[in-house]
N, C-alpha and C. Protein backbone atom coordinates (compact mmCIF):
# COMPACT_ATOMS: atom_id res chain seq x y z
N MET A 1 -16.05 -12.39 65.52
CA MET A 1 -16.85 -12.95 64.46
C MET A 1 -17.15 -11.90 63.39
N ILE A 2 -17.49 -10.70 63.80
CA ILE A 2 -17.78 -9.63 62.84
C ILE A 2 -16.51 -9.25 62.09
N PHE A 3 -15.41 -9.24 62.75
CA PHE A 3 -14.12 -8.92 62.13
C PHE A 3 -13.83 -9.93 60.97
N ARG A 4 -14.06 -11.24 61.25
CA ARG A 4 -13.84 -12.29 60.23
C ARG A 4 -14.82 -12.08 59.04
N LEU A 5 -16.04 -11.71 59.37
CA LEU A 5 -17.01 -11.47 58.25
C LEU A 5 -16.53 -10.28 57.36
N ILE A 6 -16.04 -9.24 58.00
CA ILE A 6 -15.59 -8.05 57.25
C ILE A 6 -14.37 -8.46 56.40
N ILE A 7 -13.43 -9.16 56.98
CA ILE A 7 -12.26 -9.62 56.20
C ILE A 7 -12.70 -10.52 55.02
N SER A 8 -13.59 -11.47 55.31
CA SER A 8 -14.07 -12.36 54.21
C SER A 8 -14.73 -11.57 53.10
N ALA A 9 -15.54 -10.57 53.45
CA ALA A 9 -16.23 -9.75 52.49
C ALA A 9 -15.22 -8.98 51.69
N LEU A 10 -14.18 -8.45 52.28
CA LEU A 10 -13.19 -7.71 51.56
C LEU A 10 -12.46 -8.61 50.57
N ILE A 11 -12.14 -9.84 51.02
CA ILE A 11 -11.42 -10.76 50.18
C ILE A 11 -12.27 -11.09 48.93
N VAL A 12 -13.58 -11.21 49.12
CA VAL A 12 -14.44 -11.56 47.99
C VAL A 12 -14.70 -10.32 47.11
N LEU A 13 -14.98 -9.18 47.72
CA LEU A 13 -15.38 -8.02 47.02
C LEU A 13 -14.33 -7.24 46.28
N LEU A 14 -13.10 -7.25 46.78
CA LEU A 14 -12.00 -6.49 46.17
C LEU A 14 -11.71 -7.04 44.72
N PRO A 15 -11.59 -8.34 44.50
CA PRO A 15 -11.37 -8.78 43.12
C PRO A 15 -12.58 -8.47 42.23
N ILE A 16 -13.78 -8.52 42.78
CA ILE A 16 -14.93 -8.16 41.95
C ILE A 16 -14.93 -6.72 41.61
N GLN A 17 -14.55 -5.88 42.55
CA GLN A 17 -14.44 -4.44 42.31
C GLN A 17 -13.39 -4.17 41.28
N ALA A 18 -12.26 -4.88 41.32
CA ALA A 18 -11.16 -4.67 40.37
C ALA A 18 -11.60 -5.03 38.96
N ILE A 19 -12.33 -6.15 38.87
CA ILE A 19 -12.83 -6.58 37.56
C ILE A 19 -13.88 -5.59 37.03
N ALA A 20 -14.76 -5.10 37.93
CA ALA A 20 -15.78 -4.18 37.49
C ALA A 20 -15.14 -2.87 37.03
N GLY A 21 -14.02 -2.50 37.51
CA GLY A 21 -13.36 -1.25 37.12
C GLY A 21 -12.74 -1.30 35.77
N LEU A 22 -12.57 -2.52 35.20
CA LEU A 22 -11.94 -2.59 33.88
C LEU A 22 -12.92 -2.17 32.80
N LYS A 23 -12.43 -1.51 31.77
CA LYS A 23 -13.26 -1.05 30.70
C LYS A 23 -13.62 -2.24 29.82
N GLY A 24 -14.89 -2.33 29.49
CA GLY A 24 -15.40 -3.50 28.69
C GLY A 24 -15.32 -3.22 27.23
N GLU A 25 -14.91 -2.01 26.83
CA GLU A 25 -14.86 -1.71 25.39
C GLU A 25 -13.59 -2.14 24.76
N TYR A 26 -13.30 -1.71 23.60
CA TYR A 26 -12.09 -2.08 22.87
C TYR A 26 -11.09 -0.96 22.97
N HIS A 27 -9.88 -1.24 23.50
CA HIS A 27 -8.85 -0.24 23.73
C HIS A 27 -7.50 -0.70 23.27
N PHE A 28 -6.60 0.24 23.03
CA PHE A 28 -5.24 -0.06 22.77
C PHE A 28 -4.40 0.92 23.55
N GLN A 29 -3.16 0.49 23.77
CA GLN A 29 -2.06 1.35 24.27
C GLN A 29 -0.98 1.30 23.23
N ALA A 30 -0.15 2.33 23.20
CA ALA A 30 0.86 2.45 22.15
C ALA A 30 2.23 2.68 22.74
N ILE A 31 3.24 2.24 22.07
CA ILE A 31 4.65 2.49 22.36
C ILE A 31 5.28 2.87 21.01
N ALA A 32 6.02 3.98 21.03
CA ALA A 32 6.76 4.37 19.85
C ALA A 32 8.20 3.75 19.95
N THR A 33 8.65 3.05 18.90
CA THR A 33 9.91 2.35 19.03
C THR A 33 11.13 3.23 18.72
N ASN A 34 10.96 4.19 17.84
CA ASN A 34 12.14 4.95 17.43
C ASN A 34 11.92 6.47 17.42
N GLN A 35 10.72 6.93 17.61
CA GLN A 35 10.47 8.39 17.65
C GLN A 35 9.17 8.63 18.37
N THR A 36 9.18 9.48 19.36
CA THR A 36 7.98 9.84 20.10
C THR A 36 6.92 10.39 19.16
N ILE A 37 5.70 9.91 19.41
CA ILE A 37 4.53 10.44 18.65
C ILE A 37 3.85 11.45 19.60
N LYS A 38 3.94 12.72 19.19
CA LYS A 38 3.37 13.82 20.02
C LYS A 38 2.11 14.36 19.40
N ASN A 39 1.09 13.56 19.41
CA ASN A 39 -0.20 13.95 18.84
C ASN A 39 -0.10 14.17 17.32
N ASP A 40 0.87 13.65 16.66
CA ASP A 40 1.02 13.76 15.20
C ASP A 40 0.09 12.81 14.52
N LEU A 41 -0.32 11.70 15.16
CA LEU A 41 -1.20 10.72 14.56
C LEU A 41 -2.51 10.74 15.29
N TRP A 42 -3.57 10.38 14.57
CA TRP A 42 -4.89 10.28 15.13
C TRP A 42 -5.64 9.20 14.45
N ASN A 43 -6.72 8.72 15.11
CA ASN A 43 -7.63 7.75 14.52
C ASN A 43 -9.06 8.14 14.85
N PHE A 44 -10.01 7.51 14.26
CA PHE A 44 -11.39 7.71 14.58
C PHE A 44 -11.85 6.55 15.55
N ALA A 45 -12.52 6.97 16.60
CA ALA A 45 -13.14 6.00 17.52
C ALA A 45 -14.54 6.51 17.87
N ASP A 46 -15.54 5.69 17.50
CA ASP A 46 -16.91 6.03 17.70
C ASP A 46 -17.24 7.40 17.01
N GLY A 47 -16.64 7.58 15.82
CA GLY A 47 -16.89 8.78 14.98
C GLY A 47 -16.16 10.00 15.40
N ASN A 48 -15.35 9.90 16.47
CA ASN A 48 -14.62 11.06 17.03
C ASN A 48 -13.12 10.89 16.70
N LYS A 49 -12.46 11.98 16.38
CA LYS A 49 -11.03 12.06 16.12
C LYS A 49 -10.32 12.06 17.46
N GLN A 50 -9.36 11.11 17.65
CA GLN A 50 -8.56 11.10 18.86
C GLN A 50 -7.10 11.10 18.52
N SER A 51 -6.32 12.06 19.08
CA SER A 51 -4.91 12.10 18.83
C SER A 51 -4.17 11.17 19.76
N ILE A 52 -3.05 10.64 19.22
CA ILE A 52 -2.28 9.58 19.91
C ILE A 52 -1.01 10.26 20.46
N TYR A 53 -0.62 9.99 21.67
CA TYR A 53 0.65 10.40 22.27
C TYR A 53 1.34 9.12 22.73
N ALA A 54 2.50 8.85 22.21
CA ALA A 54 3.24 7.63 22.58
C ALA A 54 4.72 7.94 22.71
N THR A 55 5.35 7.42 23.76
CA THR A 55 6.77 7.55 23.96
C THR A 55 7.51 6.27 23.71
N LYS A 56 8.87 6.36 23.77
CA LYS A 56 9.71 5.19 23.56
C LYS A 56 9.89 4.37 24.85
N THR A 57 9.52 4.97 25.97
CA THR A 57 9.85 4.29 27.24
C THR A 57 8.65 3.71 27.99
N LEU A 58 7.47 4.25 27.84
CA LEU A 58 6.30 3.84 28.57
C LEU A 58 5.09 3.57 27.64
N ARG A 59 4.22 2.78 28.10
CA ARG A 59 2.93 2.57 27.42
C ARG A 59 2.15 3.87 27.48
N SER A 60 1.37 4.13 26.46
CA SER A 60 0.49 5.29 26.47
C SER A 60 -0.70 5.03 27.35
N THR A 61 -1.54 6.00 27.49
CA THR A 61 -2.85 5.83 28.18
C THR A 61 -3.73 4.95 27.24
N ASP A 62 -4.89 4.57 27.68
CA ASP A 62 -5.79 3.81 26.87
C ASP A 62 -6.45 4.67 25.83
N TYR A 63 -6.54 4.17 24.59
CA TYR A 63 -7.27 4.76 23.50
C TYR A 63 -8.29 3.80 22.99
N ALA A 64 -9.47 4.25 22.70
CA ALA A 64 -10.54 3.42 22.19
C ALA A 64 -10.33 3.13 20.69
N TYR A 65 -10.85 2.01 20.27
CA TYR A 65 -10.85 1.72 18.81
C TYR A 65 -12.17 1.04 18.54
N ASP A 66 -12.61 1.23 17.27
CA ASP A 66 -13.89 0.64 16.80
C ASP A 66 -13.58 -0.85 16.35
N ILE A 67 -14.59 -1.70 16.52
CA ILE A 67 -14.43 -3.07 16.07
C ILE A 67 -14.43 -3.08 14.54
N ALA A 68 -13.24 -3.52 14.03
CA ALA A 68 -13.06 -3.59 12.54
C ALA A 68 -11.84 -4.42 12.34
N PRO A 69 -11.64 -4.92 11.11
CA PRO A 69 -10.43 -5.72 10.84
C PRO A 69 -9.15 -4.95 10.95
N THR A 70 -9.21 -3.60 10.71
CA THR A 70 -8.02 -2.76 10.76
C THR A 70 -8.29 -1.48 11.54
N ILE A 71 -7.23 -0.86 11.98
CA ILE A 71 -7.29 0.51 12.52
C ILE A 71 -6.39 1.41 11.65
N ALA A 72 -6.92 2.46 11.15
CA ALA A 72 -6.11 3.39 10.36
C ALA A 72 -5.79 4.64 11.21
N PHE A 73 -4.53 5.05 11.04
CA PHE A 73 -4.02 6.24 11.72
C PHE A 73 -3.65 7.31 10.70
N PHE A 74 -3.98 8.55 10.99
CA PHE A 74 -3.83 9.61 10.00
C PHE A 74 -2.94 10.69 10.64
N GLY A 75 -2.37 11.58 9.79
CA GLY A 75 -1.64 12.64 10.18
C GLY A 75 -2.10 13.94 9.51
N ASP A 76 -1.19 14.70 8.96
CA ASP A 76 -1.61 15.95 8.33
C ASP A 76 -1.95 15.85 6.81
N ARG A 77 -1.56 14.76 6.22
CA ARG A 77 -1.71 14.61 4.76
C ARG A 77 -3.19 14.44 4.39
N ILE A 78 -3.61 15.13 3.28
CA ILE A 78 -4.93 14.97 2.73
C ILE A 78 -4.88 14.80 1.26
N ASP A 79 -5.88 14.10 0.69
CA ASP A 79 -5.94 13.93 -0.76
C ASP A 79 -6.57 15.14 -1.45
N ASP A 80 -6.73 15.05 -2.77
CA ASP A 80 -7.32 16.19 -3.51
C ASP A 80 -8.72 16.58 -3.08
N GLU A 81 -9.46 15.56 -2.54
CA GLU A 81 -10.85 15.82 -2.11
C GLU A 81 -10.90 16.31 -0.63
N GLY A 82 -9.71 16.41 0.03
CA GLY A 82 -9.73 16.83 1.41
C GLY A 82 -9.84 15.73 2.48
N ASN A 83 -9.79 14.48 1.94
CA ASN A 83 -9.88 13.33 2.90
C ASN A 83 -8.47 13.02 3.48
N PRO A 84 -8.40 12.58 4.70
CA PRO A 84 -7.11 12.26 5.29
C PRO A 84 -6.53 11.02 4.62
N ILE A 85 -5.16 11.07 4.49
CA ILE A 85 -4.43 9.96 3.90
C ILE A 85 -3.83 9.17 5.08
N PRO A 86 -4.00 7.85 5.11
CA PRO A 86 -3.46 7.03 6.22
C PRO A 86 -1.93 7.12 6.31
N GLU A 87 -1.43 7.26 7.49
CA GLU A 87 0.01 7.19 7.83
C GLU A 87 0.35 5.77 8.25
N ALA A 88 -0.61 5.04 8.81
CA ALA A 88 -0.38 3.72 9.32
C ALA A 88 -1.75 2.96 9.28
N ILE A 89 -1.62 1.66 8.96
CA ILE A 89 -2.82 0.82 9.01
C ILE A 89 -2.34 -0.52 9.67
N VAL A 90 -3.06 -0.91 10.70
CA VAL A 90 -2.67 -2.15 11.43
C VAL A 90 -3.88 -3.08 11.44
N ASP A 91 -3.55 -4.36 11.26
CA ASP A 91 -4.53 -5.42 11.36
C ASP A 91 -4.84 -5.73 12.77
N VAL A 92 -6.09 -5.83 13.14
CA VAL A 92 -6.52 -6.17 14.55
C VAL A 92 -6.58 -7.67 14.66
N PRO A 93 -5.88 -8.22 15.60
CA PRO A 93 -5.91 -9.70 15.83
C PRO A 93 -7.37 -10.16 16.15
N VAL A 94 -7.70 -11.32 15.69
CA VAL A 94 -9.04 -11.86 15.88
C VAL A 94 -9.29 -12.00 17.38
N GLU A 95 -10.54 -11.64 17.81
CA GLU A 95 -11.02 -11.77 19.12
C GLU A 95 -10.22 -10.92 20.20
N ALA A 96 -9.48 -9.92 19.75
CA ALA A 96 -8.82 -9.06 20.68
C ALA A 96 -9.73 -7.98 21.18
N THR A 97 -9.59 -7.62 22.48
CA THR A 97 -10.30 -6.48 23.00
C THR A 97 -9.42 -5.41 23.43
N ARG A 98 -8.18 -5.80 23.90
CA ARG A 98 -7.17 -4.84 24.26
C ARG A 98 -5.94 -5.14 23.41
N LEU A 99 -5.29 -4.08 22.92
CA LEU A 99 -4.13 -4.24 22.06
C LEU A 99 -2.97 -3.40 22.61
N LEU A 100 -1.76 -3.90 22.29
CA LEU A 100 -0.55 -3.10 22.46
C LEU A 100 -0.03 -2.89 21.07
N LEU A 101 0.07 -1.62 20.64
CA LEU A 101 0.56 -1.27 19.32
C LEU A 101 1.95 -0.69 19.40
N LEU A 102 2.83 -1.26 18.58
CA LEU A 102 4.22 -0.80 18.52
C LEU A 102 4.38 0.00 17.19
N PHE A 103 4.64 1.29 17.32
CA PHE A 103 4.76 2.17 16.15
C PHE A 103 6.24 2.40 15.84
N THR A 104 6.59 2.17 14.58
CA THR A 104 7.93 2.46 14.09
C THR A 104 7.88 3.45 12.94
N LYS A 105 8.41 4.61 13.06
CA LYS A 105 8.43 5.60 12.01
C LYS A 105 9.39 5.11 10.89
N LEU A 106 8.93 5.08 9.67
CA LEU A 106 9.78 4.63 8.57
C LEU A 106 10.60 5.82 8.02
N THR A 107 11.80 5.53 7.55
CA THR A 107 12.63 6.56 6.99
C THR A 107 12.08 7.03 5.67
N THR A 108 11.44 6.17 4.88
CA THR A 108 10.77 6.51 3.66
C THR A 108 9.44 5.76 3.62
N PRO A 109 8.42 6.34 3.01
CA PRO A 109 7.14 5.66 2.94
C PRO A 109 7.29 4.25 2.25
N ASP A 110 6.46 3.31 2.69
CA ASP A 110 6.42 1.97 2.09
C ASP A 110 5.71 2.00 0.74
N LYS A 111 5.57 0.88 0.12
CA LYS A 111 4.94 0.83 -1.22
C LYS A 111 3.50 1.27 -1.22
N ARG A 112 2.81 1.23 -0.05
CA ARG A 112 1.41 1.65 0.08
C ARG A 112 1.35 3.17 0.46
N GLY A 113 2.52 3.78 0.68
CA GLY A 113 2.57 5.20 1.02
C GLY A 113 2.46 5.45 2.51
N LEU A 114 2.53 4.36 3.32
CA LEU A 114 2.41 4.51 4.76
C LEU A 114 3.75 4.93 5.35
N THR A 115 3.73 5.77 6.36
CA THR A 115 4.97 6.33 6.99
C THR A 115 5.31 5.60 8.31
N TYR A 116 4.42 4.74 8.82
CA TYR A 116 4.70 4.02 10.03
C TYR A 116 4.48 2.54 9.78
N ARG A 117 5.25 1.67 10.44
CA ARG A 117 5.03 0.29 10.55
C ARG A 117 4.44 0.08 11.92
N VAL A 118 3.34 -0.68 12.03
CA VAL A 118 2.71 -0.93 13.32
C VAL A 118 2.50 -2.42 13.54
N ILE A 119 2.92 -2.84 14.70
CA ILE A 119 2.72 -4.27 15.09
C ILE A 119 1.69 -4.30 16.17
N ALA A 120 0.66 -5.12 16.00
CA ALA A 120 -0.41 -5.24 17.00
C ALA A 120 -0.29 -6.52 17.75
N MET A 121 -0.39 -6.42 19.05
CA MET A 121 -0.37 -7.63 19.89
C MET A 121 -1.61 -7.65 20.78
N LYS A 122 -2.18 -8.86 20.90
CA LYS A 122 -3.25 -8.99 21.88
C LYS A 122 -2.69 -8.68 23.22
N ASP A 123 -3.37 -7.87 23.96
CA ASP A 123 -2.90 -7.44 25.29
C ASP A 123 -3.99 -7.71 26.37
N ASP A 124 -4.85 -8.68 26.07
CA ASP A 124 -5.86 -9.03 27.05
C ASP A 124 -5.21 -9.77 28.21
N SER A 125 -5.66 -9.45 29.40
CA SER A 125 -5.04 -10.06 30.59
C SER A 125 -5.22 -11.55 30.65
N ASN A 126 -6.30 -12.06 30.04
CA ASN A 126 -6.50 -13.51 30.05
C ASN A 126 -5.61 -14.23 29.06
N ASN A 127 -5.02 -13.49 28.09
CA ASN A 127 -4.14 -14.08 27.11
C ASN A 127 -2.66 -13.94 27.49
N PHE A 128 -2.36 -13.04 28.41
CA PHE A 128 -1.01 -12.76 28.76
C PHE A 128 -1.04 -12.45 30.28
N LYS A 129 -0.69 -13.47 31.04
CA LYS A 129 -0.76 -13.39 32.53
C LYS A 129 0.26 -12.38 33.07
N PHE A 130 -0.17 -11.73 34.11
CA PHE A 130 0.72 -10.77 34.80
C PHE A 130 1.99 -11.50 35.25
N GLY A 131 3.16 -10.85 35.00
CA GLY A 131 4.43 -11.43 35.37
C GLY A 131 5.02 -12.28 34.30
N SER A 132 4.32 -12.45 33.19
CA SER A 132 4.83 -13.25 32.07
C SER A 132 5.76 -12.39 31.22
N PHE A 133 6.54 -13.03 30.35
CA PHE A 133 7.39 -12.33 29.40
C PHE A 133 6.92 -12.63 27.94
N ARG A 134 7.03 -11.58 27.10
CA ARG A 134 6.77 -11.78 25.68
C ARG A 134 7.84 -11.01 24.97
N PHE A 135 8.53 -11.68 24.05
CA PHE A 135 9.62 -11.09 23.27
C PHE A 135 9.17 -11.02 21.82
N ILE A 136 9.45 -9.87 21.24
CA ILE A 136 9.04 -9.64 19.80
C ILE A 136 10.30 -9.22 19.09
N ASN A 137 10.60 -9.86 17.99
CA ASN A 137 11.72 -9.54 17.18
C ASN A 137 11.23 -8.65 16.01
N THR A 138 11.53 -7.38 16.05
CA THR A 138 11.13 -6.48 14.99
C THR A 138 12.24 -6.29 13.97
N SER A 139 13.36 -6.96 14.15
CA SER A 139 14.46 -6.83 13.22
C SER A 139 14.24 -7.72 12.00
N GLN A 140 15.15 -7.68 11.07
CA GLN A 140 15.13 -8.53 9.88
C GLN A 140 15.89 -9.83 10.06
N LYS A 141 16.48 -10.04 11.25
CA LYS A 141 17.28 -11.17 11.52
C LYS A 141 16.76 -11.99 12.63
N GLU A 142 17.15 -13.28 12.72
CA GLU A 142 16.76 -14.12 13.84
C GLU A 142 17.61 -13.70 15.03
N ILE A 143 16.98 -13.68 16.20
CA ILE A 143 17.72 -13.37 17.45
C ILE A 143 17.48 -14.49 18.38
N ALA A 144 18.32 -14.49 19.46
CA ALA A 144 18.19 -15.49 20.53
C ALA A 144 18.19 -14.81 21.88
N ILE A 145 17.44 -15.35 22.80
CA ILE A 145 17.38 -14.91 24.12
C ILE A 145 17.74 -15.97 25.07
N GLU A 146 18.52 -15.67 26.07
CA GLU A 146 18.87 -16.70 27.08
C GLU A 146 18.29 -16.32 28.44
N LEU A 147 17.45 -17.22 28.97
CA LEU A 147 16.87 -17.01 30.25
C LEU A 147 17.18 -18.28 31.11
N ALA A 148 17.70 -18.05 32.25
CA ALA A 148 17.99 -19.14 33.21
C ALA A 148 18.73 -20.28 32.50
N GLU A 149 19.71 -19.94 31.76
CA GLU A 149 20.57 -20.88 31.03
C GLU A 149 19.85 -21.68 29.93
N GLU A 150 18.63 -21.22 29.55
CA GLU A 150 17.92 -21.84 28.43
C GLU A 150 17.85 -20.81 27.30
N ARG A 151 18.11 -21.25 26.13
CA ARG A 151 18.19 -20.35 24.96
C ARG A 151 16.97 -20.54 24.08
N PHE A 152 16.34 -19.33 23.68
CA PHE A 152 15.16 -19.33 22.84
C PHE A 152 15.50 -18.53 21.57
N SER A 153 15.15 -19.08 20.44
CA SER A 153 15.31 -18.38 19.09
C SER A 153 13.99 -17.68 18.80
N ILE A 154 14.12 -16.49 18.27
CA ILE A 154 12.92 -15.71 17.84
C ILE A 154 13.12 -15.31 16.38
N ASP A 155 12.23 -15.77 15.49
CA ASP A 155 12.36 -15.44 14.12
C ASP A 155 12.06 -13.99 13.89
N SER A 156 12.48 -13.46 12.78
CA SER A 156 12.23 -12.08 12.44
C SER A 156 10.79 -11.94 12.07
N SER A 157 10.21 -10.70 12.26
CA SER A 157 8.79 -10.51 11.94
C SER A 157 8.62 -9.97 10.57
């Protein structure tokens, strides 16, 4: 009887413990699509400067971000007054708490002077169930994916 009680308690408490261990703040992880980011970029979170490290093969560790419509990332460039010049600016999806950011280093700065293109995806576990697939087309052309003999078209972003 005691053994059943212990097992029942473990079954109930383990999911609660797992949920309690999740960070309730706003976080993102990053992936570099074409060039590793070795602490070359940074952003402000809660007034503190935090450097970003992202590879092409794995998600980064969690980085905090402040609740705002955008997140700006900076590098070494500064303006005449000594203020940092953004290297990347990404729109934060509405009601997102966790993000996956895909960083692409541009060969030449865009019309706003940004040197990175960043795509933000909601990465909340309740919006993207474990074991699910999500395909993102970052090219300029439409692509198709075939899964289990079913074909899906993905427009360019």
